């Protein structure tokens, strides 16, 4: 199976992988058709799990390969990883400041720089999760681009493990958008549409990631580290705080560790 996939165009591979992750977002959002309210402990545990998956993916699928790829480069091996990692975080921080958005669970009146009269809750929530999904799509695109470029440290199994891990953690993101909108009185159909729409950016950013590393191979260690830095920023700034806002800190922390372990096993076992 891996041999067959390896012969496909990397753009097609990245699109297929991110269509799966988008589908997982839609699956989470689809829960609005079965219930109006989600148990807060369950939601917080899913967010914690998602944070663990993203942290593990940032190292095992992105930073570690970036360090290995930089071994024969003209600069010390830590330079591309350090530069790319910080640039990824700074990029998300900049976008975070430019685009007004609402964190899952955050009240409209407590959101900095947002005029509740001018921005709808639905738009702000979708923007928040969309910001999450940009680095995830880039990470998948870069991973499959690395395989297509023939790097020894990149494998089809590892790229697939990354896509599976991100798909798993996209499920609670779909829930985190759709459920609050449903509780606010929005129809089930509209809540679902907003929830799944937040994952649409992943196929787009994945193609950008593939093209970037395909045409500029020496930038691959930087690109992998960039995606890792952006993902870590999202986890620390959005996912973990959202999972602990309702007081379920121990539960969120334990499920974060479970998510990290699951992603680590996926990457090591398949990679």
Protein backbone atom coordinates (compact mmCIF):
# COMPACT_ATOMS: atom_id res chain seq x y z
CA UNK A 1 0.00 0.00 0.00
CA UNK A 2 2.79 2.40 0.93
CA UNK A 3 4.54 1.66 -2.38
CA UNK A 4 1.37 2.47 -4.31
CA UNK A 5 0.87 5.73 -2.42
CA UNK A 6 4.52 6.69 -2.90
CA UNK A 7 3.95 6.70 -6.68
CA UNK A 8 1.14 9.23 -6.46
CA UNK A 9 1.68 12.94 -6.97
CA UNK A 10 2.57 14.53 -3.58
CA UNK A 11 -0.11 17.17 -4.09
CA UNK A 12 -2.72 14.43 -4.53
CA UNK A 13 -1.43 12.67 -1.42
CA UNK A 14 -1.60 15.85 0.64
CA UNK A 15 -5.12 16.57 -0.64
CA UNK A 16 -6.31 13.05 0.21
CA UNK A 17 -4.79 13.28 3.68
CA UNK A 18 -6.32 16.67 4.43
CA UNK A 19 -9.69 15.64 3.02
CA UNK A 20 -9.60 12.99 5.74
CA UNK A 21 -8.70 15.53 8.43
CA UNK A 22 -11.41 17.87 7.12
CA UNK A 23 -13.85 14.97 7.27
CA UNK A 24 -12.96 14.39 10.92
CA UNK A 25 -13.74 18.03 11.64
CA UNK A 26 -17.10 17.59 9.91
CA UNK A 27 -17.73 14.39 11.91
CA UNK A 28 -17.24 16.29 15.16
CA UNK A 29 -19.51 19.09 14.00
CA UNK A 30 -22.15 16.53 13.00
CA UNK A 31 -22.82 15.78 16.67
CA UNK A 32 -25.16 18.79 16.65
CA UNK A 33 -27.67 16.61 14.78
CA UNK A 34 -27.91 14.23 17.73
CA UNK A 35 -27.75 16.56 20.71
CA UNK A 36 -27.86 20.24 21.61
CA UNK A 37 -25.47 20.19 24.55
CA UNK A 38 -22.16 18.42 25.00
CA UNK A 39 -20.99 17.29 28.41
CA UNK A 40 -18.34 19.83 29.41
CA UNK A 41 -16.01 17.22 30.89
CA UNK A 42 -16.17 15.23 27.67
CA UNK A 43 -15.44 18.31 25.57
CA UNK A 44 -12.54 19.37 27.80
CA UNK A 45 -11.09 15.87 27.70
CA UNK A 46 -11.24 15.88 23.90
CA UNK A 47 -9.52 19.26 23.75
CA UNK A 48 -6.83 17.99 26.12
CA UNK A 49 -6.36 14.93 23.93
CA UNK A 50 -6.08 17.16 20.87
CA UNK A 51 -3.38 19.22 22.57
CA UNK A 52 -1.38 16.08 23.36
CA UNK A 53 -1.59 14.87 19.76
CA UNK A 54 -0.39 18.24 18.45
CA UNK A 55 2.54 18.43 20.88
CA UNK A 56 3.68 14.90 20.00
CA UNK A 57 3.27 15.52 16.27
CA UNK A 58 5.30 18.71 16.56
CA UNK A 59 8.33 16.77 17.77
CA UNK A 60 8.08 13.24 16.40
CA UNK A 61 6.75 14.15 12.93
CA UNK A 62 8.25 17.59 12.40
CA UNK A 63 11.13 18.73 14.62
CA UNK A 64 12.95 15.40 14.84
CA UNK A 65 13.01 14.89 11.03
CA UNK A 66 14.04 18.54 10.58
CA UNK A 67 17.07 18.01 12.83
CA UNK A 68 18.06 14.86 10.95
CA UNK A 69 17.70 16.54 7.55
CA UNK A 70 19.95 19.40 8.64
CA UNK A 71 22.87 17.12 9.57
CA UNK A 72 24.66 17.55 6.23
CA UNK A 73 23.78 21.22 5.84
CA UNK A 74 26.11 24.23 5.84
CA UNK A 75 25.01 25.40 9.31
CA UNK A 76 24.81 23.65 12.71
CA UNK A 77 21.89 21.21 12.77
CA UNK A 78 20.01 23.19 15.41
CA UNK A 79 19.91 26.41 13.38
CA UNK A 80 17.12 25.51 10.88
CA UNK A 81 15.02 23.97 13.66
CA UNK A 82 15.44 26.96 15.97
CA UNK A 83 14.78 29.56 13.28
CA UNK A 84 11.84 27.72 11.71
CA UNK A 85 10.25 26.94 15.09
CA UNK A 86 10.35 30.56 16.27
CA UNK A 87 9.14 31.90 12.92
CA UNK A 88 6.16 29.52 13.06
CA UNK A 89 5.15 30.80 16.47
CA UNK A 90 5.66 34.43 15.48
CA UNK A 91 3.58 33.91 12.34
CA UNK A 92 0.61 32.57 14.30
CA UNK A 93 1.05 35.30 16.91
CA UNK A 94 0.92 37.94 14.15
CA UNK A 95 -2.16 36.43 12.53
CA UNK A 96 -3.74 36.13 15.96
CA UNK A 97 -3.30 39.87 16.50
CA UNK A 98 -4.51 40.87 13.04
CA UNK A 99 -7.65 38.72 12.80
CA UNK A 100 -10.29 39.15 15.52
CA UNK A 101 -11.49 35.78 16.76
CA UNK A 102 -13.16 34.09 19.69
CA UNK A 103 -11.62 31.18 21.56
CA UNK A 104 -13.91 28.17 22.16
CA UNK A 105 -15.68 28.83 25.45
CA UNK A 106 -14.77 32.53 25.53
CA UNK A 107 -17.48 35.11 26.12
CA UNK A 108 -18.06 37.83 23.55
CA UNK A 109 -17.67 40.60 26.10
CA UNK A 110 -14.29 39.26 27.28
CA UNK A 111 -12.70 39.03 23.83
CA UNK A 112 -9.99 41.65 23.38
CA UNK A 113 -10.33 44.04 20.46
CA UNK A 114 -13.73 42.75 19.40
CA UNK A 115 -16.88 44.81 19.11
CA UNK A 116 -19.77 42.39 19.78
CA UNK A 117 -22.09 44.60 17.69
CA UNK A 118 -19.91 44.26 14.60
CA UNK A 119 -18.81 40.63 14.77
CA UNK A 120 -21.00 37.56 15.05
CA UNK A 121 -20.01 34.80 17.45
CA UNK A 122 -20.17 32.26 14.61
CA UNK A 123 -17.65 34.15 12.48
CA UNK A 124 -15.25 34.62 15.39
CA UNK A 125 -15.37 30.96 16.41
CA UNK A 126 -14.74 29.76 12.86
CA UNK A 127 -11.80 32.15 12.57
CA UNK A 128 -10.31 30.74 15.78
CA UNK A 129 -10.42 27.10 14.65
CA UNK A 130 -9.33 28.07 11.14
CA UNK A 131 -6.19 29.60 12.64
CA UNK A 132 -5.57 26.23 14.34
CA UNK A 133 -5.88 24.38 11.07
CA UNK A 134 -3.40 26.44 9.03
CA UNK A 135 -0.27 24.92 10.62
CA UNK A 136 -1.86 21.47 10.64
CA UNK A 137 -2.45 21.57 6.89
CA UNK A 138 1.05 22.95 6.30
CA UNK A 139 2.53 20.17 8.41
CA UNK A 140 0.80 17.47 6.37
CA UNK A 141 1.78 19.09 3.08
CA UNK A 142 5.42 19.45 4.13
CA UNK A 143 5.53 15.84 5.38
CA UNK A 144 4.30 14.41 2.08
CA UNK A 145 6.50 16.83 0.15
CA UNK A 146 9.51 15.51 2.05
CA UNK A 147 8.61 11.95 1.04
CA UNK A 148 8.29 12.98 -2.60
CA UNK A 149 11.64 14.77 -2.43
CA UNK A 150 13.27 11.50 -1.44
CA UNK A 151 14.69 12.44 1.95
CA UNK A 152 15.89 9.36 3.83
CA UNK A 153 14.48 10.63 7.13
CA UNK A 154 10.99 11.07 5.61
CA UNK A 155 8.70 8.08 5.20
CA UNK A 156 5.21 7.54 3.84
CA UNK A 157 4.22 5.79 7.07
CA UNK A 158 5.32 8.75 9.17
CA UNK A 159 3.42 11.22 6.96
CA UNK A 160 0.32 9.05 7.20
CA UNK A 161 0.69 8.82 10.98
CA UNK A 162 0.80 12.61 11.13
CA UNK A 163 -2.38 12.87 9.06
CA UNK A 164 -4.14 10.28 11.23
CA UNK A 165 -3.08 12.06 14.43
CA UNK A 166 -4.23 15.45 13.18
CA UNK A 167 -7.48 13.90 11.97
CA UNK A 168 -8.13 12.46 15.44
CA UNK A 169 -7.59 15.82 17.12
CA UNK A 170 -9.76 17.62 14.53
CA UNK A 171 -12.84 15.82 15.86
CA UNK A 172 -13.07 17.88 19.07
CA UNK A 173 -12.34 21.05 17.09
CA UNK A 174 -15.49 20.48 15.04
CA UNK A 175 -17.41 19.94 18.27
CA UNK A 176 -15.89 23.06 19.86
CA UNK A 177 -17.30 25.24 17.08
CA UNK A 178 -20.65 23.62 16.37
CA UNK A 179 -21.90 22.94 19.90
CA UNK A 180 -21.60 26.51 21.27
CA UNK A 181 -23.40 27.83 18.19
CA UNK A 182 -26.19 25.29 18.67
CA UNK A 183 -26.49 26.30 22.35
CA UNK A 184 -26.80 29.93 21.23
CA UNK A 185 -29.90 29.04 19.23
CA UNK A 186 -28.47 28.54 15.75
CA UNK A 187 -30.10 25.80 13.68
CA UNK A 188 -28.50 22.36 13.57
CA UNK A 189 -27.73 22.71 9.86
CA UNK A 190 -26.03 26.08 10.20
CA UNK A 191 -24.10 24.98 13.28
CA UNK A 192 -22.80 21.98 11.36
CA UNK A 193 -21.89 24.07 8.32
CA UNK A 194 -19.90 26.54 10.40
CA UNK A 195 -18.22 23.70 12.30
CA UNK A 196 -17.03 21.78 9.25
CA UNK A 197 -16.12 24.93 7.33
CA UNK A 198 -13.30 25.60 9.79
CA UNK A 199 -11.43 22.57 8.40
CA UNK A 200 -11.56 23.75 4.78
CA UNK A 201 -8.27 25.63 5.13
CA UNK A 202 -6.31 22.39 5.68
CA UNK A 203 -6.35 21.11 2.07
CA UNK A 204 -5.40 24.61 0.88
CA UNK A 205 -2.49 25.03 3.27
CA UNK A 206 -1.36 21.44 2.59
CA UNK A 207 -0.95 22.18 -1.13
CA UNK A 208 1.03 25.29 -0.25
CA UNK A 209 3.28 23.18 1.99
CA UNK A 210 3.89 20.58 -0.73
CA UNK A 211 4.71 23.19 -3.35
CA UNK A 212 7.05 25.02 -1.00
CA UNK A 213 9.26 22.01 -0.26
CA UNK A 214 9.04 20.55 -3.77
CA UNK A 215 10.49 23.65 -5.40
CA UNK A 216 12.75 24.77 -2.56
CA UNK A 217 14.12 21.53 -1.07
CA UNK A 218 16.85 23.19 1.05
CA UNK A 219 14.07 24.96 2.95
CA UNK A 220 12.51 21.69 4.11
CA UNK A 221 14.07 21.63 7.64
CA UNK A 222 12.90 25.21 8.11
CA UNK A 223 9.41 24.39 6.80
CA UNK A 224 9.01 21.38 9.10
CA UNK A 225 10.15 23.42 12.10
CA UNK A 226 7.90 26.33 11.08
CA UNK A 227 4.86 24.03 11.15
CA UNK A 228 5.96 22.66 14.54
CA UNK A 229 6.34 26.14 16.03
CA UNK A 230 2.94 27.21 14.75
CA UNK A 231 1.30 24.10 16.19
CA UNK A 232 2.92 24.54 19.60
CA UNK A 233 1.76 28.17 19.69
CA UNK A 234 -1.80 27.04 18.99
CA UNK A 235 -1.65 24.42 21.75
CA UNK A 236 -0.31 26.80 24.39
CA UNK A 237 -2.36 29.84 23.40
CA UNK A 238 -5.67 28.21 22.50
CA UNK A 239 -6.13 24.49 23.10
CA UNK A 240 -4.85 24.04 26.65
CA UNK A 241 -6.51 27.19 28.08
CA UNK A 242 -9.82 26.24 26.41
CA UNK A 243 -9.65 22.75 27.93
CA UNK A 244 -9.18 24.13 31.47
CA UNK A 245 -11.52 27.14 31.54
CA UNK A 246 -14.35 25.19 33.20
CA UNK A 247 -12.17 23.83 36.00
CA UNK A 248 -11.44 20.38 34.57
CA UNK A 249 -7.68 20.87 34.78
CA UNK A 250 -6.73 17.40 36.01
CA UNK A 251 -8.91 15.68 33.43
CA UNK A 252 -7.58 17.87 30.61
CA UNK A 253 -3.99 17.28 31.72
CA UNK A 254 -4.40 13.50 31.86
CA UNK A 255 -6.10 13.30 28.46
CA UNK A 256 -3.36 15.53 27.02
CA UNK A 257 -0.84 12.91 28.13
CA UNK A 258 -2.99 10.19 26.57
CA UNK A 259 -3.11 12.13 23.30
CA UNK A 260 0.66 12.60 23.34
CA UNK A 261 1.18 8.88 23.95
CA UNK A 262 -1.20 7.83 21.17
CA UNK A 263 0.49 10.12 18.63
CA UNK A 264 3.95 9.00 19.72
CA UNK A 265 2.97 5.35 19.29
CA UNK A 266 1.44 6.06 15.87
CA UNK A 267 4.55 7.85 14.64
CA UNK A 268 7.12 5.42 16.05
CA UNK A 269 5.18 2.26 15.16
CA UNK A 270 4.32 3.33 11.61
CA UNK A 271 7.43 5.42 10.93
